[in-house]
Amino acid sequence: MEQTDPDFWNTHSDEYLKMAFDYKHRERLTHPDGYGKNTGDCGDTVEYFLTFNEEKLVNMAFDTDGCINTTACANTIIQMVEGKTIEDVWEVSPEDVINYLKTLPESSHHCAELAVGALYKAVSDYEKKQNN
């Protein structure tokens, strides 16, 4: 983890710090109802694994090979959508993630886009499986 700011802990919001260092949802679920993977121009990849019960998202996990900002964005999305309906999940935007984190560096806003893209792919995968 590269930290160029000597005052890292005081520079970031509590929300950012919590999401950046939370690992409880970082795992690969076997046999998820929905799976999505997205790789950004920066080379970071986010994968989401979704489990639904009666059209509600009841469990979600992620994996990433990305930076701390990508991890913060991936965790934020889980916090925002777990327990929600599919319609609510589709409403999440990169701006929602950026606003929640408060101190995501502007140069890393693409991390929010990357994570939301992976979410959309996972929900699309779930919906495709339901239609088959």
Protein backbone atom coordinates (compact mmCIF):
# COMPACT_ATOMS: atom_id res chain seq x y z
CA MET A 1 0.00 0.00 0.00
CA GLU A 2 1.58 3.23 -1.14
CA GLN A 3 1.00 6.24 1.08
CA THR A 4 2.49 9.52 -0.07
CA ASP A 5 0.65 11.67 2.49
CA PRO A 6 2.46 11.65 5.85
CA ASP A 7 -0.80 12.68 7.55
CA PHE A 8 -2.93 9.96 5.89
CA TRP A 9 -5.01 9.16 8.98
CA ASN A 10 -6.03 12.77 9.52
CA THR A 11 -6.58 13.53 5.84
CA HIS A 12 -9.40 11.05 5.33
CA SER A 13 -12.95 10.86 6.66
CA ASP A 14 -13.98 8.20 9.13
CA GLU A 15 -16.19 6.72 6.41
CA TYR A 16 -13.26 6.41 4.03
CA LEU A 17 -10.98 4.85 6.63
CA LYS A 18 -13.60 2.33 7.70
CA MET A 19 -14.32 1.24 4.13
CA ALA A 20 -10.65 1.17 3.11
CA PHE A 21 -9.64 -1.21 5.91
CA ASP A 22 -12.75 -3.42 6.23
CA TYR A 23 -12.09 -6.97 5.07
CA LYS A 24 -15.17 -8.81 6.32
CA HIS A 25 -16.77 -8.93 2.85
CA ARG A 26 -13.59 -9.73 0.99
CA GLU A 27 -14.02 -13.30 -0.14
CA ARG A 28 -15.00 -15.36 -3.14
CA LEU A 29 -18.43 -16.97 -2.74
CA THR A 30 -18.99 -20.33 -4.36
CA HIS A 31 -22.09 -20.61 -6.54
CA PRO A 32 -23.24 -16.99 -6.35
CA ASP A 33 -26.58 -15.99 -7.86
CA GLY A 34 -24.84 -13.15 -9.66
CA TYR A 35 -21.22 -12.54 -10.57
CA GLY A 36 -19.59 -9.48 -12.10
CA LYS A 37 -16.02 -8.58 -12.90
CA ASN A 38 -14.74 -5.24 -14.12
CA THR A 39 -11.21 -4.11 -14.92
CA GLY A 40 -10.39 -0.43 -15.21
CA ASP A 41 -7.92 1.39 -17.41
CA CYS A 42 -5.67 1.61 -14.35
CA GLY A 43 -5.41 -2.19 -14.29
CA ASP A 44 -7.39 -2.70 -11.06
CA THR A 45 -10.06 -5.39 -11.09
CA VAL A 46 -13.14 -5.72 -8.87
CA GLU A 47 -15.25 -8.87 -8.68
CA TYR A 48 -18.63 -9.09 -6.92
CA PHE A 49 -20.45 -12.22 -5.79
CA LEU A 50 -24.17 -11.77 -5.05
CA THR A 51 -26.77 -13.91 -3.31
CA PHE A 52 -30.46 -13.05 -3.59
CA ASN A 53 -33.53 -14.24 -1.72
CA GLU A 54 -36.90 -13.25 -3.13
CA GLU A 55 -35.50 -10.35 -5.14
CA LYS A 56 -33.52 -8.93 -2.20
CA LEU A 57 -29.75 -8.91 -2.05
CA VAL A 58 -29.01 -10.89 1.10
CA ASN A 59 -25.28 -11.51 0.81
CA MET A 60 -22.50 -9.87 -1.11
CA ALA A 61 -18.77 -10.35 -1.26
CA PHE A 62 -15.96 -8.90 -3.34
CA ASP A 63 -12.41 -9.48 -4.36
CA THR A 64 -9.97 -7.01 -5.85
CA ASP A 65 -6.37 -6.73 -6.87
CA GLY A 66 -6.67 -2.96 -6.68
CA CYS A 67 -5.47 -0.17 -4.49
CA ILE A 68 -6.82 1.02 -1.15
CA ASN A 69 -9.17 3.43 -2.95
CA THR A 70 -10.69 0.59 -4.97
CA THR A 71 -11.19 -1.40 -1.76
CA ALA A 72 -12.90 1.58 -0.14
CA CYS A 73 -15.27 1.92 -3.09
CA ALA A 74 -16.05 -1.81 -3.23
CA ASN A 75 -16.89 -1.92 0.48
CA THR A 76 -18.99 1.22 0.24
CA ILE A 77 -21.16 -0.34 -2.43
CA ILE A 78 -21.75 -3.40 -0.27
CA GLN A 79 -22.80 -1.20 2.63
CA MET A 80 -25.18 0.72 0.35
CA VAL A 81 -26.92 -2.22 -1.32
CA GLU A 82 -26.94 -5.25 0.96
CA GLY A 83 -30.55 -5.98 1.92
CA LYS A 84 -31.94 -3.87 -0.93
CA THR A 85 -34.13 -4.83 -3.89
CA ILE A 86 -32.72 -5.18 -7.38
CA GLU A 87 -34.35 -1.89 -8.35
CA ASP A 88 -32.54 -0.12 -5.50
CA VAL A 89 -29.24 -1.74 -6.44
CA TRP A 90 -29.52 -0.40 -9.99
CA GLU A 91 -29.83 3.12 -8.57
CA VAL A 92 -26.32 3.21 -7.04
CA SER A 93 -24.01 5.56 -8.90
CA PRO A 94 -20.31 6.40 -8.71
CA GLU A 95 -21.32 9.80 -7.33
CA ASP A 96 -23.12 8.08 -4.43
CA VAL A 97 -19.91 6.23 -3.56
CA ILE A 98 -17.74 9.35 -3.87
CA ASN A 99 -20.14 11.37 -1.72
CA TYR A 100 -20.31 8.69 0.98
CA LEU A 101 -16.53 8.39 1.27
CA LYS A 102 -16.11 12.20 1.42
CA THR A 103 -12.33 12.12 0.96
CA LEU A 104 -11.77 9.80 -2.00
CA PRO A 105 -9.02 11.60 -3.93
CA GLU A 106 -10.30 13.14 -7.16
CA SER A 107 -7.58 11.28 -9.05
CA SER A 108 -9.22 8.04 -7.82
CA HIS A 109 -12.84 8.76 -8.72
CA HIS A 110 -12.40 6.18 -11.47
CA CYS A 111 -12.27 3.57 -8.66
CA ALA A 112 -15.91 4.33 -7.87
CA GLU A 113 -16.80 3.92 -11.55
CA LEU A 114 -14.89 0.63 -11.66
CA ALA A 115 -16.69 -0.77 -8.60
CA VAL A 116 -20.15 0.35 -9.74
CA GLY A 117 -19.46 -1.21 -13.15
CA ALA A 118 -18.67 -4.54 -11.49
CA LEU A 119 -21.89 -4.27 -9.47
CA TYR A 120 -23.96 -3.67 -12.60
CA LYS A 121 -22.35 -6.66 -14.30
CA ALA A 122 -23.15 -8.87 -11.30
CA VAL A 123 -26.80 -7.76 -11.20
CA SER A 124 -27.07 -8.26 -14.96
CA ASP A 125 -25.70 -11.77 -14.55
CA TYR A 126 -28.30 -12.51 -11.86
CA GLU A 127 -31.14 -11.18 -13.99
CA LYS A 128 -29.94 -13.18 -17.01
CA LYS A 129 -29.91 -16.38 -14.93
CA GLN A 130 -33.44 -15.63 -13.68
CA ASN A 131 -34.72 -15.24 -17.26
CA ASN A 132 -33.25 -18.57 -18.39
